[in-house]
Amino acid sequence: MKIAKLSFGMLRKHAKIKDISFGMLRKRTDFLHKLSTDLVEQYDTIVLEDLNVSGMVKNRKLRCMQRS
């Protein structure tokens, strides 16, 4: 199997896309860090809960409670 060699223009495009993606990742991480810092400063206690939503939907009792 022969692998095609990328042209210089394609390599530049790939590098530019990689830089943009990395910048978006850094912005997202910075936003989450600032948000979590603000929440910690504003509230004394923060509680996180991991819900099994798919299991809750499958449970008939919880499904009946949801409709009413």
N, C-alpha and C. Protein backbone atom coordinates (compact mmCIF):
# COMPACT_ATOMS: atom_id res chain seq x y z
N MET A 1 0.84 -1.16 0.00
CA MET A 1 0.00 0.00 0.00
C MET A 1 0.89 1.24 0.00
N LYS A 2 0.59 2.17 -0.88
CA LYS A 2 1.40 3.36 -1.02
C LYS A 2 0.75 4.52 -0.27
N ILE A 3 1.53 5.24 0.51
CA ILE A 3 1.01 6.38 1.26
C ILE A 3 1.35 7.65 0.49
N ALA A 4 0.33 8.48 0.27
CA ALA A 4 0.54 9.72 -0.46
C ALA A 4 1.26 10.73 0.42
N LYS A 5 2.21 11.45 -0.17
CA LYS A 5 2.96 12.46 0.55
C LYS A 5 2.16 13.76 0.52
N LEU A 6 2.03 14.40 1.67
CA LEU A 6 1.27 15.64 1.75
C LEU A 6 2.10 16.80 1.20
N SER A 7 1.42 17.71 0.52
CA SER A 7 2.10 18.88 -0.01
C SER A 7 2.37 19.87 1.12
N PHE A 8 3.19 20.86 0.83
CA PHE A 8 3.53 21.87 1.83
C PHE A 8 2.30 22.65 2.25
N GLY A 9 1.40 22.94 1.31
CA GLY A 9 0.17 23.67 1.63
C GLY A 9 -0.73 22.87 2.56
N MET A 10 -0.82 21.58 2.32
CA MET A 10 -1.65 20.73 3.19
C MET A 10 -1.05 20.65 4.59
N LEU A 11 0.27 20.58 4.67
CA LEU A 11 0.93 20.55 5.98
C LEU A 11 0.67 21.84 6.75
N ARG A 12 0.70 22.98 6.03
CA ARG A 12 0.42 24.26 6.68
C ARG A 12 -1.02 24.32 7.16
N LYS A 13 -1.97 23.79 6.36
CA LYS A 13 -3.38 23.78 6.76
C LYS A 13 -3.58 22.91 7.99
N HIS A 14 -2.94 21.75 8.02
CA HIS A 14 -3.05 20.86 9.18
C HIS A 14 -2.49 21.54 10.43
N ALA A 15 -1.37 22.24 10.27
CA ALA A 15 -0.76 22.93 11.41
C ALA A 15 -1.68 24.05 11.91
N LYS A 16 -2.31 24.76 10.98
CA LYS A 16 -3.20 25.86 11.37
C LYS A 16 -4.43 25.32 12.11
N ILE A 17 -4.99 24.23 11.62
CA ILE A 17 -6.14 23.61 12.28
C ILE A 17 -5.75 23.12 13.68
N LYS A 18 -4.56 22.56 13.79
CA LYS A 18 -4.08 22.08 15.09
C LYS A 18 -3.93 23.24 16.06
N ASP A 19 -3.39 24.37 15.60
CA ASP A 19 -3.24 25.55 16.46
C ASP A 19 -4.59 26.09 16.91
N ILE A 20 -5.55 26.15 16.00
CA ILE A 20 -6.89 26.64 16.34
C ILE A 20 -7.55 25.72 17.36
N SER A 21 -7.43 24.42 17.17
CA SER A 21 -8.02 23.46 18.09
C SER A 21 -7.38 23.58 19.47
N PHE A 22 -6.07 23.76 19.51
CA PHE A 22 -5.37 23.91 20.79
C PHE A 22 -5.80 25.19 21.49
N GLY A 23 -5.99 26.26 20.71
CA GLY A 23 -6.45 27.52 21.30
C GLY A 23 -7.84 27.39 21.89
N MET A 24 -8.73 26.67 21.19
CA MET A 24 -10.08 26.45 21.71
C MET A 24 -10.03 25.64 22.99
N LEU A 25 -9.17 24.64 23.04
CA LEU A 25 -9.01 23.82 24.24
C LEU A 25 -8.55 24.68 25.41
N ARG A 26 -7.59 25.57 25.17
CA ARG A 26 -7.09 26.43 26.25
C ARG A 26 -8.15 27.40 26.73
N LYS A 27 -8.96 27.95 25.79
CA LYS A 27 -10.03 28.87 26.18
C LYS A 27 -11.08 28.16 27.03
N ARG A 28 -11.43 26.94 26.62
CA ARG A 28 -12.42 26.15 27.36
C ARG A 28 -11.91 25.83 28.76
N THR A 29 -10.66 25.42 28.86
CA THR A 29 -10.06 25.10 30.15
C THR A 29 -9.99 26.33 31.04
N ASP A 30 -9.63 27.48 30.45
CA ASP A 30 -9.55 28.73 31.21
C ASP A 30 -10.92 29.13 31.74
N PHE A 31 -11.95 29.00 30.89
CA PHE A 31 -13.31 29.34 31.32
C PHE A 31 -13.76 28.45 32.47
N LEU A 32 -13.53 27.15 32.37
CA LEU A 32 -13.93 26.23 33.43
C LEU A 32 -13.17 26.52 34.72
N HIS A 33 -11.90 26.88 34.60
CA HIS A 33 -11.11 27.20 35.80
C HIS A 33 -11.66 28.46 36.46
N LYS A 34 -11.96 29.48 35.67
CA LYS A 34 -12.51 30.73 36.23
C LYS A 34 -13.88 30.49 36.86
N LEU A 35 -14.71 29.70 36.20
CA LEU A 35 -16.04 29.40 36.72
C LEU A 35 -15.95 28.65 38.04
N SER A 36 -15.11 27.63 38.10
CA SER A 36 -14.99 26.85 39.34
C SER A 36 -14.41 27.72 40.46
N THR A 37 -13.49 28.60 40.14
CA THR A 37 -12.93 29.49 41.15
C THR A 37 -14.00 30.42 41.70
N ASP A 38 -14.82 30.99 40.81
CA ASP A 38 -15.91 31.87 41.26
C ASP A 38 -16.91 31.13 42.13
N LEU A 39 -17.26 29.90 41.75
CA LEU A 39 -18.21 29.11 42.54
C LEU A 39 -17.66 28.81 43.93
N VAL A 40 -16.38 28.49 44.01
CA VAL A 40 -15.77 28.17 45.30
C VAL A 40 -15.73 29.41 46.19
N GLU A 41 -15.45 30.56 45.59
CA GLU A 41 -15.42 31.80 46.38
C GLU A 41 -16.82 32.21 46.84
N GLN A 42 -17.84 31.92 46.02
CA GLN A 42 -19.20 32.36 46.31
C GLN A 42 -19.92 31.47 47.31
N TYR A 43 -19.72 30.16 47.24
CA TYR A 43 -20.45 29.22 48.08
C TYR A 43 -19.51 28.49 49.02
N ASP A 44 -20.05 28.11 50.18
CA ASP A 44 -19.24 27.39 51.16
C ASP A 44 -19.06 25.92 50.78
N THR A 45 -20.14 25.29 50.33
CA THR A 45 -20.10 23.87 50.02
C THR A 45 -20.61 23.64 48.61
N ILE A 46 -19.91 22.82 47.86
CA ILE A 46 -20.32 22.45 46.51
C ILE A 46 -20.41 20.93 46.46
N VAL A 47 -21.55 20.43 46.00
CA VAL A 47 -21.78 18.99 45.93
C VAL A 47 -22.03 18.61 44.47
N LEU A 48 -21.35 17.59 43.99
CA LEU A 48 -21.54 17.08 42.64
C LEU A 48 -22.22 15.73 42.71
N GLU A 49 -23.14 15.49 41.78
CA GLU A 49 -23.85 14.22 41.76
C GLU A 49 -23.80 13.65 40.36
N ASP A 50 -23.45 12.41 40.24
CA ASP A 50 -23.40 11.72 38.96
C ASP A 50 -24.66 10.88 38.82
N LEU A 51 -25.57 11.30 37.95
CA LEU A 51 -26.85 10.61 37.79
C LEU A 51 -26.77 9.62 36.63
N ASN A 52 -27.38 8.46 36.83
CA ASN A 52 -27.50 7.46 35.78
C ASN A 52 -28.84 7.71 35.08
N VAL A 53 -28.86 8.65 34.16
CA VAL A 53 -30.11 9.07 33.53
C VAL A 53 -30.71 7.95 32.70
N SER A 54 -29.89 7.20 31.98
CA SER A 54 -30.43 6.12 31.16
C SER A 54 -31.09 5.06 32.03
N GLY A 55 -30.49 4.78 33.20
CA GLY A 55 -31.10 3.83 34.13
C GLY A 55 -32.38 4.37 34.72
N MET A 56 -32.44 5.68 34.96
CA MET A 56 -33.65 6.28 35.51
C MET A 56 -34.79 6.22 34.50
N VAL A 57 -34.49 6.39 33.23
CA VAL A 57 -35.52 6.32 32.20
C VAL A 57 -36.04 4.90 32.06
N LYS A 58 -35.17 3.92 32.22
CA LYS A 58 -35.59 2.52 32.10
C LYS A 58 -36.44 2.07 33.28
N ASN A 59 -36.27 2.71 34.43
CA ASN A 59 -37.00 2.33 35.63
C ASN A 59 -38.46 2.78 35.49
N ARG A 60 -39.38 1.84 35.57
CA ARG A 60 -40.80 2.14 35.35
C ARG A 60 -41.35 3.10 36.41
N LYS A 61 -40.96 2.93 37.64
CA LYS A 61 -41.47 3.78 38.71
C LYS A 61 -41.07 5.24 38.49
N LEU A 62 -39.82 5.45 38.13
CA LEU A 62 -39.35 6.81 37.90
C LEU A 62 -39.98 7.40 36.63
N ARG A 63 -40.23 6.57 35.64
CA ARG A 63 -40.83 7.03 34.40
C ARG A 63 -42.26 7.49 34.65
N CYS A 64 -42.99 6.78 35.49
CA CYS A 64 -44.37 7.16 35.82
C CYS A 64 -44.39 8.48 36.60
N MET A 65 -43.44 8.66 37.48
CA MET A 65 -43.36 9.90 38.25
C MET A 65 -43.04 11.08 37.35
N GLN A 66 -42.27 10.84 36.30
CA GLN A 66 -41.87 11.90 35.41
C GLN A 66 -43.06 12.42 34.61
N ARG A 67 -43.97 11.56 34.20
CA ARG A 67 -45.08 11.96 33.37
C ARG A 67 -46.12 12.77 34.14
N SER A 68 -46.31 12.48 35.42
CA SER A 68 -47.35 13.18 36.18
C SER A 68 -46.89 14.49 36.74
